[in-house]
Amino acid sequence: QVQLVESGGGLVQAGGSLRLSCAASGRTFSSYAMDWFRQAPGKEREAVAAISRSGSSTYYADSVKGRFTISRDNAKATVYLQMNSLKPEDTAVYYCAAKITRYSGTYYYDGMDYWGKGTLVTVSS
């Protein structure tokens, strides 16, 4: 089992930047592929970015490609989401998620095993 705690959300103006962090505790962090999801009011939850256990493979939704960067520090048991050039449509609750996997170079964007409680990002126009 792993516990995930997100931080770094807040209010930012359009065009600004935020960096989200997700600290994991419990089972060995490097056993998990990690994702960031988001859910805006009235919309379905969507995968924003994903990273493999090793960090060698990443995935980005088309809506954030070129603006967001996912990274991880296995020694610190933390995954990050650097968000630049933020837009009002990025406003959402952002969730960190983990999937245990034997494959070090594979990312996933569904079928996650564990979830954090989320952190709110609000982008004003």
C-alpha atoms as a PDB file:
ATOM      1  CA  GLN A   1       0.000   0.000   0.000  1.00  0.00           C
ATOM      2  CA  VAL A   2       1.132   3.552  -0.675  1.00  0.00           C
ATOM      3  CA  GLN A   3      -0.179   6.868   0.593  1.00  0.00           C
ATOM      4  CA  LEU A   4      -0.072   9.864  -1.730  1.00  0.00           C
ATOM      5  CA  VAL A   5      -0.231  13.506  -0.650  1.00  0.00           C
ATOM      6  CA  GLU A   6      -0.377  16.310  -3.194  1.00  0.00           C
ATOM      7  CA  SER A   7       0.731  19.883  -2.609  1.00  0.00           C
ATOM      8  CA  GLY A   8       1.490  23.032  -4.570  1.00  0.00           C
ATOM      9  CA  GLY A   9      -1.932  23.958  -5.849  1.00  0.00           C
ATOM     10  CA  GLY A  10      -3.298  27.478  -5.627  1.00  0.00           C
ATOM     11  CA  LEU A  11      -4.495  30.522  -7.517  1.00  0.00           C
ATOM     12  CA  VAL A  12      -2.438  31.803 -10.433  1.00  0.00           C
ATOM     13  CA  GLN A  13      -3.035  34.196 -13.294  1.00  0.00           C
ATOM     14  CA  ALA A  14      -3.210  32.987 -16.847  1.00  0.00           C
ATOM     15  CA  GLY A  15       0.268  32.617 -18.283  1.00  0.00           C
ATOM     16  CA  GLY A  16       1.746  31.825 -14.894  1.00  0.00           C
ATOM     17  CA  SER A  17       3.360  28.682 -13.526  1.00  0.00           C
ATOM     18  CA  LEU A  18       2.883  26.249 -10.677  1.00  0.00           C
ATOM     19  CA  ARG A  19       4.695  23.128  -9.601  1.00  0.00           C
ATOM     20  CA  LEU A  20       2.704  20.362  -8.010  1.00  0.00           C
ATOM     21  CA  SER A  21       4.336  17.760  -5.806  1.00  0.00           C
ATOM     22  CA  CYS A  22       3.105  14.366  -4.717  1.00  0.00           C
ATOM     23  CA  ALA A  23       4.879  12.739  -1.798  1.00  0.00           C
ATOM     24  CA  ALA A  24       4.504   8.993  -1.414  1.00  0.00           C
ATOM     25  CA  SER A  25       4.916   6.897   1.690  1.00  0.00           C
ATOM     26  CA  GLY A  26       4.592   3.217   2.330  1.00  0.00           C
ATOM     27  CA  ARG A  27       5.767   0.656  -0.164  1.00  0.00           C
ATOM     28  CA  THR A  28       8.846   1.304  -2.308  1.00  0.00           C
ATOM     29  CA  PHE A  29       8.108   4.272  -4.525  1.00  0.00           C
ATOM     30  CA  SER A  30      10.158   2.955  -7.407  1.00  0.00           C
ATOM     31  CA  SER A  31       7.719   0.045  -7.740  1.00  0.00           C
ATOM     32  CA  TYR A  32       5.068   2.410  -9.071  1.00  0.00           C
ATOM     33  CA  ALA A  33       4.362   4.137 -12.328  1.00  0.00           C
ATOM     34  CA  MET A  34       2.926   7.551 -11.494  1.00  0.00           C
ATOM     35  CA  ASP A  35       0.315   9.802 -13.020  1.00  0.00           C
ATOM     36  CA  TRP A  36      -1.293  13.155 -12.641  1.00  0.00           C
ATOM     37  CA  PHE A  37      -5.013  13.378 -13.370  1.00  0.00           C
ATOM     38  CA  ARG A  38      -7.350  16.341 -13.163  1.00  0.00           C
ATOM     39  CA  GLN A  39     -11.060  16.897 -12.861  1.00  0.00           C
ATOM     40  CA  ALA A  40     -12.697  20.198 -13.664  1.00  0.00           C
ATOM     41  CA  PRO A  41     -16.185  21.072 -12.389  1.00  0.00           C
ATOM     42  CA  GLY A  42     -18.802  19.247 -14.400  1.00  0.00           C
ATOM     43  CA  LYS A  43     -16.248  17.281 -16.378  1.00  0.00           C
ATOM     44  CA  GLU A  44     -14.869  13.783 -16.272  1.00  0.00           C
ATOM     45  CA  ARG A  45     -11.502  13.061 -14.750  1.00  0.00           C
ATOM     46  CA  GLU A  46      -8.728  12.963 -17.334  1.00  0.00           C
ATOM     47  CA  ALA A  47      -5.139  11.802 -17.348  1.00  0.00           C
ATOM     48  CA  VAL A  48      -2.824  14.765 -17.727  1.00  0.00           C
ATOM     49  CA  ALA A  49       0.620  13.178 -17.562  1.00  0.00           C
ATOM     50  CA  ALA A  50       2.212   9.842 -16.748  1.00  0.00           C
ATOM     51  CA  ILE A  51       5.711   8.622 -16.022  1.00  0.00           C
ATOM     52  CA  SER A  52       7.232   5.172 -15.853  1.00  0.00           C
ATOM     53  CA  ARG A  53       8.942   3.701 -12.805  1.00  0.00           C
ATOM     54  CA  SER A  54      12.367   4.603 -14.127  1.00  0.00           C
ATOM     55  CA  GLY A  55      11.333   7.999 -15.457  1.00  0.00           C
ATOM     56  CA  SER A  56      12.464   7.021 -18.946  1.00  0.00           C
ATOM     57  CA  SER A  57       8.995   7.154 -20.509  1.00  0.00           C
ATOM     58  CA  THR A  58       6.382   9.867 -20.236  1.00  0.00           C
ATOM     59  CA  TYR A  59       2.928  10.622 -21.579  1.00  0.00           C
ATOM     60  CA  TYR A  60       1.091  13.927 -21.910  1.00  0.00           C
ATOM     61  CA  ALA A  61      -2.453  14.728 -22.861  1.00  0.00           C
ATOM     62  CA  ASP A  62      -2.626  16.809 -26.028  1.00  0.00           C
ATOM     63  CA  SER A  63      -4.131  19.680 -24.054  1.00  0.00           C
ATOM     64  CA  VAL A  64      -0.978  20.104 -21.931  1.00  0.00           C
ATOM     65  CA  LYS A  65       1.765  18.935 -24.276  1.00  0.00           C
ATOM     66  CA  GLY A  66       4.582  21.490 -24.436  1.00  0.00           C
ATOM     67  CA  ARG A  67       3.375  23.275 -21.296  1.00  0.00           C
ATOM     68  CA  PHE A  68       3.476  20.637 -18.538  1.00  0.00           C
ATOM     69  CA  THR A  69       6.379  18.432 -17.482  1.00  0.00           C
ATOM     70  CA  ILE A  70       6.152  15.388 -15.261  1.00  0.00           C
ATOM     71  CA  SER A  71       9.206  14.178 -13.372  1.00  0.00           C
ATOM     72  CA  ARG A  72      10.051  11.998 -10.411  1.00  0.00           C
ATOM     73  CA  ASP A  73      12.712  11.660  -7.774  1.00  0.00           C
ATOM     74  CA  ASN A  74      12.716   8.072  -6.554  1.00  0.00           C
ATOM     75  CA  ALA A  75      15.158   8.887  -3.757  1.00  0.00           C
ATOM     76  CA  LYS A  76      12.684  11.425  -2.384  1.00  0.00           C
ATOM     77  CA  ALA A  77       9.636   9.310  -3.241  1.00  0.00           C
ATOM     78  CA  THR A  78       8.093  12.292  -4.979  1.00  0.00           C
ATOM     79  CA  VAL A  79       6.563  12.995  -8.367  1.00  0.00           C
ATOM     80  CA  TYR A  80       6.240  16.501  -9.745  1.00  0.00           C
ATOM     81  CA  LEU A  81       4.144  18.302 -12.308  1.00  0.00           C
ATOM     82  CA  GLN A  82       5.637  21.539 -13.584  1.00  0.00           C
ATOM     83  CA  MET A  83       2.868  23.574 -15.182  1.00  0.00           C
ATOM     84  CA  ASN A  84       3.785  26.555 -17.349  1.00  0.00           C
ATOM     85  CA  SER A  85       1.748  28.912 -19.530  1.00  0.00           C
ATOM     86  CA  LEU A  86      -1.328  28.082 -17.520  1.00  0.00           C
ATOM     87  CA  LYS A  87      -4.750  28.724 -19.014  1.00  0.00           C
ATOM     88  CA  PRO A  88      -8.142  29.185 -17.349  1.00  0.00           C
ATOM     89  CA  GLU A  89      -9.174  25.811 -18.787  1.00  0.00           C
ATOM     90  CA  ASP A  90      -6.446  24.192 -16.665  1.00  0.00           C
ATOM     91  CA  THR A  91      -8.526  24.993 -13.585  1.00  0.00           C
ATOM     92  CA  ALA A  92      -9.274  21.700 -11.844  1.00  0.00           C
ATOM     93  CA  VAL A  93      -8.534  19.494  -8.884  1.00  0.00           C
ATOM     94  CA  TYR A  94      -5.293  17.690  -9.672  1.00  0.00           C
ATOM     95  CA  TYR A  95      -4.798  14.164  -8.380  1.00  0.00           C
ATOM     96  CA  CYS A  96      -1.690  12.071  -8.072  1.00  0.00           C
ATOM     97  CA  ALA A  97      -2.096   8.350  -8.767  1.00  0.00           C
ATOM     98  CA  ALA A  98       0.107   5.271  -8.609  1.00  0.00           C
ATOM     99  CA  LYS A  99       0.086   1.907 -10.329  1.00  0.00           C
ATOM    100  CA  ILE A 100       2.288  -0.945  -9.204  1.00  0.00           C
ATOM    101  CA  THR A 101       4.056  -2.561 -12.123  1.00  0.00           C
ATOM    102  CA  ARG A 102       6.938  -4.844 -12.835  1.00  0.00           C
ATOM    103  CA  TYR A 103       7.811  -2.908 -15.988  1.00  0.00           C
ATOM    104  CA  SER A 104      10.279  -0.107 -15.345  1.00  0.00           C
ATOM    105  CA  GLY A 105       9.877   1.623 -18.696  1.00  0.00           C
ATOM    106  CA  THR A 106       6.102   1.587 -19.115  1.00  0.00           C
ATOM    107  CA  TYR A 107       3.653   4.336 -18.243  1.00  0.00           C
ATOM    108  CA  TYR A 108      -0.066   3.944 -17.688  1.00  0.00           C
ATOM    109  CA  TYR A 109      -2.978   6.333 -17.915  1.00  0.00           C
ATOM    110  CA  ASP A 110      -5.705   4.117 -16.543  1.00  0.00           C
ATOM    111  CA  GLY A 111      -6.183   1.280 -14.085  1.00  0.00           C
ATOM    112  CA  MET A 112      -4.416   3.135 -11.284  1.00  0.00           C
ATOM    113  CA  ASP A 113      -4.157   1.403  -7.910  1.00  0.00           C
ATOM    114  CA  TYR A 114      -3.851   4.308  -5.468  1.00  0.00           C
ATOM    115  CA  TRP A 115      -4.991   7.918  -5.416  1.00  0.00           C
ATOM    116  CA  GLY A 116      -4.252  11.052  -3.481  1.00  0.00           C
ATOM    117  CA  LYS A 117      -6.953  13.409  -2.260  1.00  0.00           C
ATOM    118  CA  GLY A 118      -6.137  16.139  -4.744  1.00  0.00           C
ATOM    119  CA  THR A 119      -4.998  19.740  -4.804  1.00  0.00           C
ATOM    120  CA  LEU A 120      -6.963  22.586  -6.366  1.00  0.00           C
ATOM    121  CA  VAL A 121      -5.467  24.661  -9.153  1.00  0.00           C
ATOM    122  CA  THR A 122      -7.327  27.807 -10.156  1.00  0.00           C
ATOM    123  CA  VAL A 123      -6.190  29.862 -13.140  1.00  0.00           C
ATOM    124  CA  SER A 124      -7.718  33.304 -13.426  1.00  0.00           C
ATOM    125  CA  SER A 125      -8.108  35.123 -16.732  1.00  0.00           C
END
